[in-house]
N, C-alpha and C. Protein backbone atom coordinates (compact mmCIF):
# COMPACT_ATOMS: atom_id res chain seq x y z
N UNK A 1 197.96 -118.01 13.40
CA UNK A 1 196.58 -117.53 13.61
C UNK A 1 195.58 -118.50 12.99
N UNK A 2 195.86 -118.93 11.75
CA UNK A 2 194.95 -119.85 11.08
C UNK A 2 194.88 -121.18 11.81
N UNK A 3 196.06 -121.70 12.19
CA UNK A 3 196.11 -122.98 12.89
C UNK A 3 195.36 -122.90 14.21
N UNK A 4 195.51 -121.78 14.92
CA UNK A 4 194.84 -121.61 16.22
C UNK A 4 193.33 -121.56 16.04
N UNK A 5 192.87 -120.85 15.01
CA UNK A 5 191.43 -120.75 14.75
C UNK A 5 190.84 -122.11 14.40
N UNK A 6 191.54 -122.86 13.53
CA UNK A 6 191.04 -124.17 13.14
C UNK A 6 191.04 -125.14 14.31
N UNK A 7 192.05 -125.04 15.17
CA UNK A 7 192.09 -125.92 16.34
C UNK A 7 190.92 -125.63 17.27
N UNK A 8 190.59 -124.35 17.44
CA UNK A 8 189.46 -123.96 18.29
C UNK A 8 188.15 -124.51 17.75
N UNK A 9 188.04 -124.53 16.41
CA UNK A 9 186.80 -124.98 15.77
C UNK A 9 186.73 -126.49 15.60
N UNK A 10 187.80 -127.19 15.93
CA UNK A 10 187.86 -128.64 15.71
C UNK A 10 186.71 -129.33 16.44
N UNK A 11 185.99 -130.17 15.70
CA UNK A 11 184.88 -130.92 16.26
C UNK A 11 183.55 -130.21 16.19
N UNK A 12 183.57 -128.92 15.82
CA UNK A 12 182.32 -128.17 15.74
C UNK A 12 181.83 -128.02 14.31
N UNK A 13 182.70 -128.28 13.32
CA UNK A 13 182.39 -128.13 11.89
C UNK A 13 182.10 -126.66 11.54
N UNK A 14 182.48 -125.73 12.41
CA UNK A 14 182.21 -124.32 12.15
C UNK A 14 183.49 -123.52 12.34
N UNK A 15 183.76 -122.64 11.39
CA UNK A 15 184.92 -121.76 11.46
C UNK A 15 184.44 -120.34 11.25
N UNK A 16 184.87 -119.43 12.12
CA UNK A 16 184.53 -118.02 11.95
C UNK A 16 185.48 -117.41 10.93
N UNK A 17 184.93 -117.04 9.76
CA UNK A 17 185.77 -116.46 8.73
C UNK A 17 186.24 -115.06 9.12
N UNK A 18 185.53 -114.42 10.02
CA UNK A 18 185.98 -113.12 10.50
C UNK A 18 187.32 -113.27 11.22
N UNK A 19 187.51 -114.42 11.86
CA UNK A 19 188.77 -114.67 12.54
C UNK A 19 189.88 -115.01 11.55
N UNK A 20 189.52 -115.56 10.39
CA UNK A 20 190.53 -115.92 9.40
C UNK A 20 190.89 -114.77 8.48
N UNK A 21 190.02 -113.78 8.35
CA UNK A 21 190.25 -112.67 7.42
C UNK A 21 191.60 -111.99 7.60
N UNK A 22 192.04 -111.70 8.84
CA UNK A 22 193.31 -110.99 8.99
C UNK A 22 194.50 -111.73 8.42
N UNK A 23 194.40 -113.07 8.30
CA UNK A 23 195.52 -113.85 7.79
C UNK A 23 195.50 -113.98 6.28
N UNK A 24 194.42 -113.54 5.64
CA UNK A 24 194.28 -113.70 4.18
C UNK A 24 194.83 -112.50 3.43
N UNK A 25 195.40 -112.75 2.26
CA UNK A 25 195.86 -111.67 1.39
C UNK A 25 194.69 -111.02 0.67
N UNK A 26 193.70 -111.84 0.29
CA UNK A 26 192.52 -111.34 -0.40
C UNK A 26 191.29 -112.04 0.18
N UNK A 27 190.24 -111.29 0.42
CA UNK A 27 188.97 -111.86 0.88
C UNK A 27 187.92 -111.59 -0.19
N UNK A 28 187.30 -112.64 -0.69
CA UNK A 28 186.28 -112.51 -1.73
C UNK A 28 184.91 -112.67 -1.08
N UNK A 29 184.10 -111.61 -1.02
CA UNK A 29 182.76 -111.74 -0.43
C UNK A 29 181.85 -112.57 -1.33
N UNK A 30 181.12 -113.49 -0.75
CA UNK A 30 180.25 -114.37 -1.53
C UNK A 30 178.87 -113.76 -1.75
N UNK A 31 178.45 -112.90 -0.86
CA UNK A 31 177.13 -112.29 -1.01
C UNK A 31 175.99 -113.27 -0.88
N UNK A 32 176.21 -114.35 -0.13
CA UNK A 32 175.20 -115.40 -0.01
C UNK A 32 174.13 -115.07 1.02
N UNK A 33 174.38 -114.08 1.85
CA UNK A 33 173.41 -113.73 2.87
C UNK A 33 173.41 -114.72 4.02
N UNK A 34 172.51 -114.49 4.96
CA UNK A 34 172.41 -115.36 6.13
C UNK A 34 171.66 -116.64 5.79
N UNK A 35 172.19 -117.76 6.23
CA UNK A 35 171.52 -119.05 6.05
C UNK A 35 171.05 -119.50 7.43
N UNK A 36 169.82 -119.16 7.76
CA UNK A 36 169.33 -119.32 9.12
C UNK A 36 169.23 -120.77 9.56
N UNK A 37 169.11 -121.68 8.60
CA UNK A 37 169.05 -123.09 8.95
C UNK A 37 170.39 -123.69 9.27
N UNK A 38 171.46 -122.90 9.11
CA UNK A 38 172.84 -123.33 9.39
C UNK A 38 173.29 -124.46 8.47
N UNK A 39 172.62 -124.62 7.33
CA UNK A 39 173.05 -125.57 6.31
C UNK A 39 173.53 -124.76 5.11
N UNK A 40 174.76 -124.97 4.71
CA UNK A 40 175.35 -124.17 3.63
C UNK A 40 174.73 -124.55 2.29
N UNK A 41 173.92 -123.66 1.73
CA UNK A 41 173.28 -123.88 0.43
C UNK A 41 173.70 -122.79 -0.55
N UNK A 42 173.24 -121.56 -0.30
CA UNK A 42 173.64 -120.45 -1.17
C UNK A 42 175.14 -120.22 -1.11
N UNK A 43 175.72 -120.37 0.08
CA UNK A 43 177.17 -120.16 0.19
C UNK A 43 177.94 -121.22 -0.58
N UNK A 44 177.40 -122.45 -0.63
CA UNK A 44 178.02 -123.51 -1.43
C UNK A 44 178.00 -123.14 -2.91
N UNK A 45 176.84 -122.70 -3.41
CA UNK A 45 176.72 -122.34 -4.82
C UNK A 45 177.56 -121.11 -5.15
N UNK A 46 177.59 -120.14 -4.23
CA UNK A 46 178.39 -118.94 -4.47
C UNK A 46 179.88 -119.26 -4.49
N UNK A 47 180.31 -120.18 -3.64
CA UNK A 47 181.72 -120.58 -3.63
C UNK A 47 182.11 -121.22 -4.95
N UNK A 48 181.27 -122.12 -5.46
CA UNK A 48 181.54 -122.74 -6.76
C UNK A 48 181.62 -121.69 -7.86
N UNK A 49 180.73 -120.72 -7.82
CA UNK A 49 180.72 -119.67 -8.84
C UNK A 49 182.01 -118.87 -8.82
N UNK A 50 182.43 -118.48 -7.64
CA UNK A 50 183.68 -117.71 -7.51
C UNK A 50 184.87 -118.52 -8.01
N UNK A 51 184.91 -119.80 -7.67
CA UNK A 51 186.03 -120.65 -8.11
C UNK A 51 186.04 -120.81 -9.63
N UNK A 52 184.86 -120.94 -10.24
CA UNK A 52 184.80 -121.05 -11.69
C UNK A 52 185.23 -119.75 -12.37
N UNK A 53 184.82 -118.62 -11.82
CA UNK A 53 185.23 -117.33 -12.38
C UNK A 53 186.73 -117.13 -12.23
N UNK A 54 187.28 -117.57 -11.11
CA UNK A 54 188.73 -117.49 -10.91
C UNK A 54 189.45 -118.38 -11.91
N UNK A 55 188.92 -119.59 -12.12
CA UNK A 55 189.53 -120.51 -13.09
C UNK A 55 189.53 -119.90 -14.49
N UNK A 56 188.46 -119.20 -14.83
CA UNK A 56 188.41 -118.54 -16.14
C UNK A 56 189.51 -117.48 -16.26
N UNK A 57 189.71 -116.71 -15.19
CA UNK A 57 190.75 -115.68 -15.22
C UNK A 57 192.13 -116.30 -15.35
N UNK A 58 192.27 -117.53 -14.88
CA UNK A 58 193.56 -118.21 -14.96
C UNK A 58 193.74 -118.98 -16.26
N UNK A 59 192.75 -118.90 -17.16
CA UNK A 59 192.89 -119.49 -18.48
C UNK A 59 192.04 -120.69 -18.78
N UNK A 60 191.27 -121.17 -17.82
CA UNK A 60 190.42 -122.33 -18.06
C UNK A 60 189.23 -121.94 -18.93
N UNK A 61 188.71 -122.91 -19.67
CA UNK A 61 187.53 -122.67 -20.50
C UNK A 61 186.27 -122.83 -19.64
N UNK A 62 185.72 -121.71 -19.27
CA UNK A 62 184.51 -121.68 -18.45
C UNK A 62 183.44 -120.91 -19.22
N UNK A 63 182.27 -121.49 -19.43
CA UNK A 63 181.23 -120.83 -20.23
C UNK A 63 180.60 -119.66 -19.48
N UNK A 64 179.74 -118.96 -20.18
CA UNK A 64 178.94 -117.91 -19.55
C UNK A 64 178.06 -118.57 -18.48
N UNK A 65 178.17 -118.11 -17.26
CA UNK A 65 177.45 -118.74 -16.16
C UNK A 65 176.09 -118.10 -15.89
N UNK A 66 175.77 -117.04 -16.61
CA UNK A 66 174.50 -116.35 -16.36
C UNK A 66 173.27 -117.22 -16.60
N UNK A 67 173.30 -118.19 -17.54
CA UNK A 67 172.12 -119.06 -17.67
C UNK A 67 171.78 -119.84 -16.40
N UNK A 68 172.76 -119.98 -15.51
CA UNK A 68 172.49 -120.67 -14.25
C UNK A 68 171.48 -119.91 -13.40
N UNK A 69 171.47 -118.59 -13.53
CA UNK A 69 170.51 -117.78 -12.77
C UNK A 69 169.09 -118.10 -13.23
N UNK A 70 168.90 -118.15 -14.54
CA UNK A 70 167.59 -118.49 -15.10
C UNK A 70 167.17 -119.90 -14.68
N UNK A 71 168.12 -120.82 -14.70
CA UNK A 71 167.81 -122.21 -14.34
C UNK A 71 167.40 -122.32 -12.87
N UNK A 72 168.12 -121.62 -12.00
CA UNK A 72 167.77 -121.64 -10.58
C UNK A 72 166.38 -121.07 -10.35
N UNK A 73 166.07 -120.01 -11.08
CA UNK A 73 164.74 -119.40 -10.98
C UNK A 73 163.67 -120.39 -11.45
N UNK A 74 163.95 -121.10 -12.53
CA UNK A 74 162.98 -122.07 -13.07
C UNK A 74 162.71 -123.19 -12.08
N UNK A 75 163.75 -123.67 -11.42
CA UNK A 75 163.59 -124.75 -10.45
C UNK A 75 162.68 -124.31 -9.31
N UNK A 76 162.92 -123.12 -8.82
CA UNK A 76 162.11 -122.63 -7.70
C UNK A 76 160.67 -122.33 -8.12
N UNK A 77 160.52 -121.75 -9.29
CA UNK A 77 159.19 -121.34 -9.73
C UNK A 77 158.29 -122.53 -10.09
N UNK A 78 158.90 -123.66 -10.43
CA UNK A 78 158.11 -124.84 -10.81
C UNK A 78 157.97 -125.86 -9.69
N UNK A 79 158.46 -125.53 -8.51
CA UNK A 79 158.50 -126.55 -7.45
C UNK A 79 157.12 -127.07 -7.05
N UNK A 80 156.09 -126.26 -7.19
CA UNK A 80 154.75 -126.76 -6.85
C UNK A 80 154.33 -127.92 -7.75
N UNK A 81 154.94 -128.01 -8.94
CA UNK A 81 154.58 -129.06 -9.88
C UNK A 81 155.32 -130.37 -9.61
N UNK A 82 156.44 -130.31 -8.89
CA UNK A 82 157.23 -131.53 -8.73
C UNK A 82 157.59 -131.88 -7.29
N UNK A 83 157.53 -130.94 -6.37
CA UNK A 83 158.05 -131.18 -5.03
C UNK A 83 157.35 -132.33 -4.32
N UNK A 84 156.04 -132.28 -4.20
CA UNK A 84 155.31 -133.34 -3.50
C UNK A 84 155.43 -134.67 -4.22
N UNK A 85 155.40 -134.64 -5.53
CA UNK A 85 155.53 -135.89 -6.30
C UNK A 85 156.89 -136.52 -6.08
N UNK A 86 157.93 -135.70 -6.05
CA UNK A 86 159.28 -136.23 -5.82
C UNK A 86 159.41 -136.83 -4.43
N UNK A 87 158.83 -136.18 -3.44
CA UNK A 87 158.88 -136.71 -2.08
C UNK A 87 158.12 -138.03 -1.97
N UNK A 88 157.02 -138.16 -2.70
CA UNK A 88 156.28 -139.42 -2.72
C UNK A 88 157.14 -140.55 -3.27
N UNK A 89 157.96 -140.25 -4.27
CA UNK A 89 158.83 -141.26 -4.87
C UNK A 89 159.97 -141.62 -3.93
N UNK A 90 160.60 -140.62 -3.34
CA UNK A 90 161.83 -140.85 -2.59
C UNK A 90 161.58 -141.44 -1.21
N UNK A 91 160.49 -141.06 -0.56
CA UNK A 91 160.19 -141.64 0.74
C UNK A 91 161.22 -141.25 1.79
N UNK A 92 161.82 -142.24 2.46
CA UNK A 92 162.75 -141.98 3.56
C UNK A 92 164.18 -141.84 3.12
N UNK A 93 164.99 -142.89 3.39
CA UNK A 93 166.41 -142.84 3.04
C UNK A 93 166.57 -142.71 1.53
N UNK A 94 167.61 -142.00 1.13
CA UNK A 94 167.79 -141.74 -0.30
C UNK A 94 169.27 -141.79 -0.67
N UNK A 95 169.54 -142.33 -1.86
CA UNK A 95 170.88 -142.27 -2.44
C UNK A 95 170.90 -141.11 -3.42
N UNK A 96 171.98 -140.36 -3.45
CA UNK A 96 172.13 -139.24 -4.38
C UNK A 96 173.28 -139.58 -5.31
N UNK A 97 172.99 -139.64 -6.61
CA UNK A 97 173.94 -140.16 -7.59
C UNK A 97 174.22 -139.10 -8.65
N UNK A 98 175.49 -138.96 -9.04
CA UNK A 98 175.83 -137.96 -10.04
C UNK A 98 177.09 -138.33 -10.80
N UNK A 99 177.32 -137.70 -11.96
CA UNK A 99 178.50 -138.00 -12.77
C UNK A 99 179.79 -137.55 -12.10
N UNK A 100 180.91 -138.14 -12.53
CA UNK A 100 182.17 -137.86 -11.85
C UNK A 100 182.54 -136.39 -11.88
N UNK A 101 182.25 -135.70 -13.00
CA UNK A 101 182.63 -134.29 -13.10
C UNK A 101 181.73 -133.39 -12.24
N UNK A 102 180.64 -133.97 -11.71
CA UNK A 102 179.75 -133.19 -10.85
C UNK A 102 179.45 -133.98 -9.57
N UNK A 103 180.44 -134.74 -9.11
CA UNK A 103 180.24 -135.54 -7.90
C UNK A 103 179.95 -134.65 -6.70
N UNK A 104 180.42 -133.40 -6.76
CA UNK A 104 180.14 -132.48 -5.66
C UNK A 104 178.64 -132.26 -5.50
N UNK A 105 177.88 -132.33 -6.59
CA UNK A 105 176.42 -132.18 -6.50
C UNK A 105 175.81 -133.32 -5.70
N UNK A 106 176.30 -134.54 -5.94
CA UNK A 106 175.79 -135.69 -5.19
C UNK A 106 176.16 -135.57 -3.71
N UNK A 107 177.40 -135.16 -3.44
CA UNK A 107 177.84 -135.02 -2.05
C UNK A 107 177.06 -133.93 -1.33
N UNK A 108 176.86 -132.79 -2.00
CA UNK A 108 176.10 -131.70 -1.39
C UNK A 108 174.64 -132.10 -1.21
N UNK A 109 174.08 -132.79 -2.20
CA UNK A 109 172.70 -133.23 -2.10
C UNK A 109 172.48 -134.16 -0.91
N UNK A 110 173.38 -135.12 -0.75
CA UNK A 110 173.26 -136.04 0.39
C UNK A 110 173.44 -135.30 1.71
N UNK A 111 174.35 -134.33 1.70
CA UNK A 111 174.62 -133.57 2.92
C UNK A 111 173.39 -132.82 3.42
N UNK A 112 172.67 -132.17 2.52
CA UNK A 112 171.52 -131.38 2.98
C UNK A 112 170.40 -132.27 3.51
N UNK A 113 170.28 -133.49 2.98
CA UNK A 113 169.29 -134.43 3.54
C UNK A 113 169.69 -134.84 4.96
N UNK A 114 170.98 -135.04 5.16
CA UNK A 114 171.44 -135.45 6.49
C UNK A 114 171.38 -134.30 7.50
N UNK A 115 171.85 -133.12 7.07
CA UNK A 115 171.97 -132.01 8.02
C UNK A 115 170.62 -131.37 8.35
N UNK A 116 169.72 -131.31 7.38
CA UNK A 116 168.42 -130.67 7.62
C UNK A 116 167.44 -131.60 8.29
N UNK A 117 166.74 -132.43 7.52
CA UNK A 117 165.71 -133.30 8.11
C UNK A 117 166.27 -134.58 8.75
N UNK A 118 167.59 -134.72 8.75
CA UNK A 118 168.24 -135.91 9.33
C UNK A 118 167.79 -137.20 8.63
N UNK A 119 167.75 -137.13 7.31
CA UNK A 119 167.40 -138.29 6.50
C UNK A 119 168.67 -139.06 6.15
N UNK A 120 168.72 -140.39 6.33
CA UNK A 120 169.89 -141.14 5.91
C UNK A 120 170.11 -140.97 4.40
N UNK A 121 171.26 -140.48 4.01
CA UNK A 121 171.53 -140.22 2.60
C UNK A 121 173.01 -140.38 2.32
N UNK A 122 173.31 -141.03 1.21
CA UNK A 122 174.69 -141.24 0.79
C UNK A 122 174.86 -140.81 -0.65
N UNK A 123 176.06 -140.37 -0.99
CA UNK A 123 176.38 -139.94 -2.35
C UNK A 123 177.22 -140.99 -3.05
N UNK A 124 177.04 -141.08 -4.37
CA UNK A 124 177.84 -142.02 -5.15
C UNK A 124 177.98 -141.51 -6.58
N UNK A 125 179.14 -141.74 -7.17
CA UNK A 125 179.36 -141.40 -8.59
C UNK A 125 178.66 -142.45 -9.44
N UNK A 126 178.04 -142.04 -10.53
CA UNK A 126 177.17 -142.93 -11.31
C UNK A 126 177.88 -144.18 -11.78
N UNK A 127 179.09 -144.04 -12.30
CA UNK A 127 179.83 -145.21 -12.77
C UNK A 127 180.21 -146.13 -11.62
N UNK A 128 180.64 -145.56 -10.52
CA UNK A 128 181.03 -146.34 -9.35
C UNK A 128 179.82 -147.04 -8.75
N UNK A 129 178.66 -146.41 -8.86
CA UNK A 129 177.43 -146.97 -8.30
C UNK A 129 177.18 -148.39 -8.78
N UNK A 130 177.47 -148.66 -10.06
CA UNK A 130 177.21 -149.98 -10.64
C UNK A 130 178.11 -151.06 -10.05
N UNK A 131 179.15 -150.67 -9.33
CA UNK A 131 180.08 -151.63 -8.74
C UNK A 131 179.99 -151.66 -7.22
N UNK A 132 179.34 -150.66 -6.63
CA UNK A 132 179.33 -150.53 -5.17
C UNK A 132 177.90 -150.50 -4.63
N UNK A 133 177.21 -149.40 -4.86
CA UNK A 133 175.89 -149.21 -4.25
C UNK A 133 174.78 -150.02 -4.91
N UNK A 134 175.04 -150.57 -6.08
CA UNK A 134 174.01 -151.36 -6.76
C UNK A 134 173.51 -152.49 -5.87
N UNK A 135 174.36 -153.01 -5.01
CA UNK A 135 173.96 -154.13 -4.15
C UNK A 135 172.87 -153.73 -3.17
N UNK A 136 172.81 -152.44 -2.85
CA UNK A 136 171.79 -151.97 -1.91
C UNK A 136 170.39 -152.02 -2.51
N UNK A 137 170.30 -152.11 -3.84
CA UNK A 137 168.99 -152.13 -4.49
C UNK A 137 168.23 -153.42 -4.20
N UNK A 138 168.90 -154.42 -3.67
CA UNK A 138 168.20 -155.66 -3.31
C UNK A 138 167.29 -155.45 -2.10
N UNK A 139 167.56 -154.41 -1.34
CA UNK A 139 166.71 -154.13 -0.18
C UNK A 139 165.46 -153.40 -0.64
N UNK A 140 164.28 -153.82 -0.18
CA UNK A 140 163.04 -153.15 -0.58
C UNK A 140 163.06 -151.67 -0.21
N UNK A 141 162.49 -150.86 -1.06
CA UNK A 141 162.37 -149.44 -0.76
C UNK A 141 163.56 -148.59 -1.14
N UNK A 142 164.52 -149.15 -1.87
CA UNK A 142 165.68 -148.35 -2.30
C UNK A 142 165.20 -147.25 -3.24
N UNK A 143 165.62 -146.02 -2.98
CA UNK A 143 165.23 -144.87 -3.78
C UNK A 143 166.46 -144.01 -4.05
N UNK A 144 166.43 -143.28 -5.17
CA UNK A 144 167.60 -142.46 -5.52
C UNK A 144 167.18 -141.16 -6.19
N UNK A 145 168.04 -140.16 -6.02
CA UNK A 145 167.95 -138.89 -6.72
C UNK A 145 169.14 -138.85 -7.67
N UNK A 146 168.87 -138.80 -8.97
CA UNK A 146 169.93 -138.89 -9.98
C UNK A 146 170.15 -137.54 -10.65
N UNK A 147 171.37 -137.03 -10.56
CA UNK A 147 171.78 -135.89 -11.38
C UNK A 147 172.31 -136.48 -12.68
N UNK A 148 171.52 -136.31 -13.75
CA UNK A 148 171.84 -136.98 -15.01
C UNK A 148 173.00 -136.36 -15.76
N UNK A 149 173.41 -137.05 -16.81
CA UNK A 149 174.48 -136.54 -17.66
C UNK A 149 175.70 -137.43 -17.72
N UNK A 150 175.70 -138.52 -16.95
CA UNK A 150 176.84 -139.45 -16.98
C UNK A 150 176.68 -140.43 -18.14
N UNK A 151 177.80 -140.88 -18.67
CA UNK A 151 177.75 -141.91 -19.71
C UNK A 151 177.30 -143.25 -19.13
N UNK A 152 177.21 -143.32 -17.80
CA UNK A 152 176.78 -144.55 -17.14
C UNK A 152 175.31 -144.50 -16.70
N UNK A 153 174.59 -143.47 -17.13
CA UNK A 153 173.18 -143.36 -16.73
C UNK A 153 172.37 -144.59 -17.13
N UNK A 154 172.63 -145.10 -18.34
CA UNK A 154 171.85 -146.24 -18.84
C UNK A 154 172.04 -147.48 -17.96
N UNK A 155 173.26 -147.68 -17.48
CA UNK A 155 173.52 -148.82 -16.60
C UNK A 155 172.78 -148.65 -15.28
N UNK A 156 172.81 -147.43 -14.76
CA UNK A 156 172.07 -147.13 -13.53
C UNK A 156 170.59 -147.44 -13.71
N UNK A 157 170.01 -146.96 -14.81
CA UNK A 157 168.58 -147.17 -15.07
C UNK A 157 168.27 -148.66 -15.20
N UNK A 158 169.13 -149.38 -15.91
CA UNK A 158 168.91 -150.81 -16.12
C UNK A 158 168.80 -151.55 -14.78
N UNK A 159 169.73 -151.27 -13.87
CA UNK A 159 169.71 -151.95 -12.58
C UNK A 159 168.53 -151.52 -11.73
N UNK A 160 168.22 -150.24 -11.76
CA UNK A 160 167.08 -149.76 -10.97
C UNK A 160 165.78 -150.40 -11.44
N UNK A 161 165.62 -150.53 -12.75
CA UNK A 161 164.41 -151.16 -13.28
C UNK A 161 164.39 -152.65 -12.98
N UNK A 162 165.55 -153.28 -13.07
CA UNK A 162 165.62 -154.71 -12.80
C UNK A 162 165.22 -155.02 -11.35
N UNK A 163 165.57 -154.12 -10.45
CA UNK A 163 165.28 -154.34 -9.03
C UNK A 163 163.98 -153.68 -8.58
N UNK A 164 163.28 -153.03 -9.51
CA UNK A 164 162.03 -152.38 -9.15
C UNK A 164 162.20 -151.20 -8.22
N UNK A 165 163.33 -150.51 -8.35
CA UNK A 165 163.63 -149.36 -7.49
C UNK A 165 163.33 -148.07 -8.25
N UNK A 166 162.71 -147.13 -7.59
CA UNK A 166 162.30 -145.88 -8.25
C UNK A 166 163.35 -144.79 -8.03
N UNK A 167 163.41 -143.85 -8.97
CA UNK A 167 164.33 -142.72 -8.81
C UNK A 167 163.76 -141.48 -9.45
N UNK A 168 164.22 -140.34 -8.96
CA UNK A 168 163.88 -139.03 -9.52
C UNK A 168 165.12 -138.49 -10.22
N UNK A 169 164.95 -138.05 -11.46
CA UNK A 169 166.07 -137.49 -12.23
C UNK A 169 166.02 -135.97 -12.19
N UNK A 170 167.20 -135.35 -12.27
CA UNK A 170 167.31 -133.90 -12.29
C UNK A 170 168.07 -133.49 -13.54
N UNK A 171 167.53 -132.54 -14.29
CA UNK A 171 168.18 -132.08 -15.53
C UNK A 171 167.39 -132.51 -16.74
N UNK A 172 168.09 -133.09 -17.71
CA UNK A 172 167.42 -133.59 -18.90
C UNK A 172 166.67 -134.88 -18.57
N UNK A 173 165.57 -135.16 -19.29
CA UNK A 173 164.80 -136.37 -19.01
C UNK A 173 165.65 -137.63 -19.11
N UNK A 174 165.45 -138.54 -18.18
CA UNK A 174 166.14 -139.82 -18.16
C UNK A 174 165.08 -140.91 -18.26
N UNK A 175 165.21 -141.76 -19.27
CA UNK A 175 164.23 -142.83 -19.46
C UNK A 175 164.18 -143.73 -18.23
N UNK A 176 162.99 -144.01 -17.76
CA UNK A 176 162.83 -144.88 -16.61
C UNK A 176 162.63 -144.15 -15.30
N UNK A 177 162.84 -142.84 -15.30
CA UNK A 177 162.66 -142.07 -14.07
C UNK A 177 161.18 -141.97 -13.71
N UNK A 178 160.87 -142.09 -12.43
CA UNK A 178 159.49 -141.90 -11.99
C UNK A 178 159.07 -140.45 -12.17
N UNK A 179 160.04 -139.56 -12.14
CA UNK A 179 159.80 -138.13 -12.29
C UNK A 179 161.11 -137.46 -12.68
N UNK A 180 161.03 -136.48 -13.57
CA UNK A 180 162.21 -135.69 -13.92
C UNK A 180 161.96 -134.23 -13.57
N UNK A 181 162.87 -133.65 -12.81
CA UNK A 181 162.82 -132.22 -12.51
C UNK A 181 163.74 -131.54 -13.52
N UNK A 182 163.15 -130.95 -14.54
CA UNK A 182 163.94 -130.35 -15.61
C UNK A 182 164.33 -128.91 -15.28
N UNK A 183 165.45 -128.49 -15.84
CA UNK A 183 165.88 -127.10 -15.76
C UNK A 183 166.63 -126.77 -17.05
N UNK A 184 166.73 -125.50 -17.42
CA UNK A 184 167.31 -125.12 -18.72
C UNK A 184 168.83 -124.99 -18.75
N UNK A 185 169.53 -125.37 -17.68
CA UNK A 185 170.99 -125.25 -17.67
C UNK A 185 171.60 -126.43 -18.40
N UNK A 186 171.85 -126.25 -19.70
CA UNK A 186 172.35 -127.36 -20.52
C UNK A 186 173.83 -127.62 -20.29
N UNK A 187 174.62 -126.57 -20.09
CA UNK A 187 176.05 -126.75 -19.88
C UNK A 187 176.31 -127.40 -18.52
N UNK A 188 177.19 -128.40 -18.46
CA UNK A 188 177.44 -129.09 -17.19
C UNK A 188 177.87 -128.17 -16.05
N UNK A 189 178.66 -127.14 -16.37
CA UNK A 189 179.12 -126.25 -15.30
C UNK A 189 177.98 -125.37 -14.79
N UNK A 190 177.07 -124.99 -15.66
CA UNK A 190 175.89 -124.26 -15.20
C UNK A 190 174.99 -125.17 -14.37
N UNK A 191 174.85 -126.42 -14.82
CA UNK A 191 174.06 -127.39 -14.05
C UNK A 191 174.66 -127.59 -12.66
N UNK A 192 175.98 -127.60 -12.61
CA UNK A 192 176.68 -127.77 -11.33
C UNK A 192 176.26 -126.72 -10.31
N UNK A 193 175.98 -125.52 -10.80
CA UNK A 193 175.66 -124.41 -9.90
C UNK A 193 174.23 -124.44 -9.39
N UNK A 194 173.34 -125.14 -10.09
CA UNK A 194 171.92 -125.02 -9.74
C UNK A 194 171.24 -126.34 -9.37
N UNK A 195 171.75 -127.48 -9.79
CA UNK A 195 171.00 -128.72 -9.62
C UNK A 195 170.83 -129.11 -8.16
N UNK A 196 171.77 -128.70 -7.31
CA UNK A 196 171.61 -129.02 -5.89
C UNK A 196 170.42 -128.31 -5.27
N UNK A 197 169.91 -127.28 -5.94
CA UNK A 197 168.71 -126.59 -5.45
C UNK A 197 167.55 -127.56 -5.30
N UNK A 198 167.47 -128.55 -6.18
CA UNK A 198 166.40 -129.55 -6.10
C UNK A 198 166.50 -130.32 -4.78
N UNK A 199 167.69 -130.81 -4.47
CA UNK A 199 167.89 -131.53 -3.22
C UNK A 199 167.61 -130.64 -2.02
N UNK A 200 168.02 -129.38 -2.12
CA UNK A 200 167.82 -128.44 -1.01
C UNK A 200 166.33 -128.18 -0.75
N UNK A 201 165.56 -128.01 -1.81
CA UNK A 201 164.12 -127.78 -1.65
C UNK A 201 163.42 -129.02 -1.09
N UNK A 202 163.84 -130.20 -1.56
CA UNK A 202 163.27 -131.44 -1.03
C UNK A 202 163.59 -131.59 0.46
N UNK A 203 164.86 -131.36 0.80
CA UNK A 203 165.27 -131.48 2.20
C UNK A 203 164.56 -130.46 3.07
N UNK A 204 164.41 -129.24 2.57
CA UNK A 204 163.74 -128.20 3.34
C UNK A 204 162.29 -128.56 3.64
N UNK A 205 161.61 -129.14 2.65
CA UNK A 205 160.21 -129.53 2.86
C UNK A 205 160.11 -130.69 3.85
N UNK A 206 161.01 -131.66 3.75
CA UNK A 206 161.01 -132.75 4.72
C UNK A 206 161.29 -132.23 6.12
N UNK A 207 162.20 -131.28 6.21
CA UNK A 207 162.54 -130.66 7.50
C UNK A 207 161.33 -129.94 8.07
N UNK A 208 160.65 -129.18 7.22
CA UNK A 208 159.46 -128.45 7.66
C UNK A 208 158.39 -129.41 8.17
N UNK A 209 158.19 -130.51 7.47
CA UNK A 209 157.18 -131.48 7.88
C UNK A 209 157.55 -132.16 9.19
N UNK A 210 158.84 -132.44 9.37
CA UNK A 210 159.27 -133.09 10.61
C UNK A 210 159.06 -132.19 11.81
N UNK A 211 159.27 -130.88 11.64
CA UNK A 211 159.05 -129.93 12.73
C UNK A 211 157.55 -129.77 13.01
N UNK A 212 156.76 -129.81 11.94
CA UNK A 212 155.31 -129.68 12.10
C UNK A 212 154.73 -130.86 12.86
N UNK A 213 155.26 -132.05 12.56
CA UNK A 213 154.70 -133.26 13.14
C UNK A 213 155.34 -133.64 14.48
N UNK A 214 156.33 -132.88 14.90
CA UNK A 214 157.05 -133.22 16.14
C UNK A 214 156.15 -133.05 17.37
């Protein structure tokens, strides 16, 4: 049943979970609601939350995740103060960079830029960036969205400043950032649950503008 459902969905990037439910031993409702833009945002965050809670039940050290709710609220409530400024910095194509333990944030961030407003966007781990994507900074107009917290942040900043490339940081202030979107989620796992909200709000606004100007 599962193989047949996946084969039917092949090439569409969409799977009906209602069709998969009968084959599952347990179904965990995410409670993410309808995502009318067809870009997985709340469902992505809810999936991470469920997996972290499951890991805790299995013995992993997972902190209290409730501060993530406050952090997500703070990001949304302060967006009028940073949204337009961040878009002015980032412009068109954007690189999304994050630490290895939160590389999923970079991948999700790049995904929402591509799927929503169709902005060219790629993800890279901060340490790997210094060996791979750093070469792209030689091209004029290189811009990046940095999820801070990597031990390689300083190297990233050094190269960006050397090449005159601007970036927006998310989380704790990063020296050299044109703008920092701060939130109170200090624990990395709490940050993991909320920091992609910044990319999602940026992508949503770019998408809205593209539809308005079409």
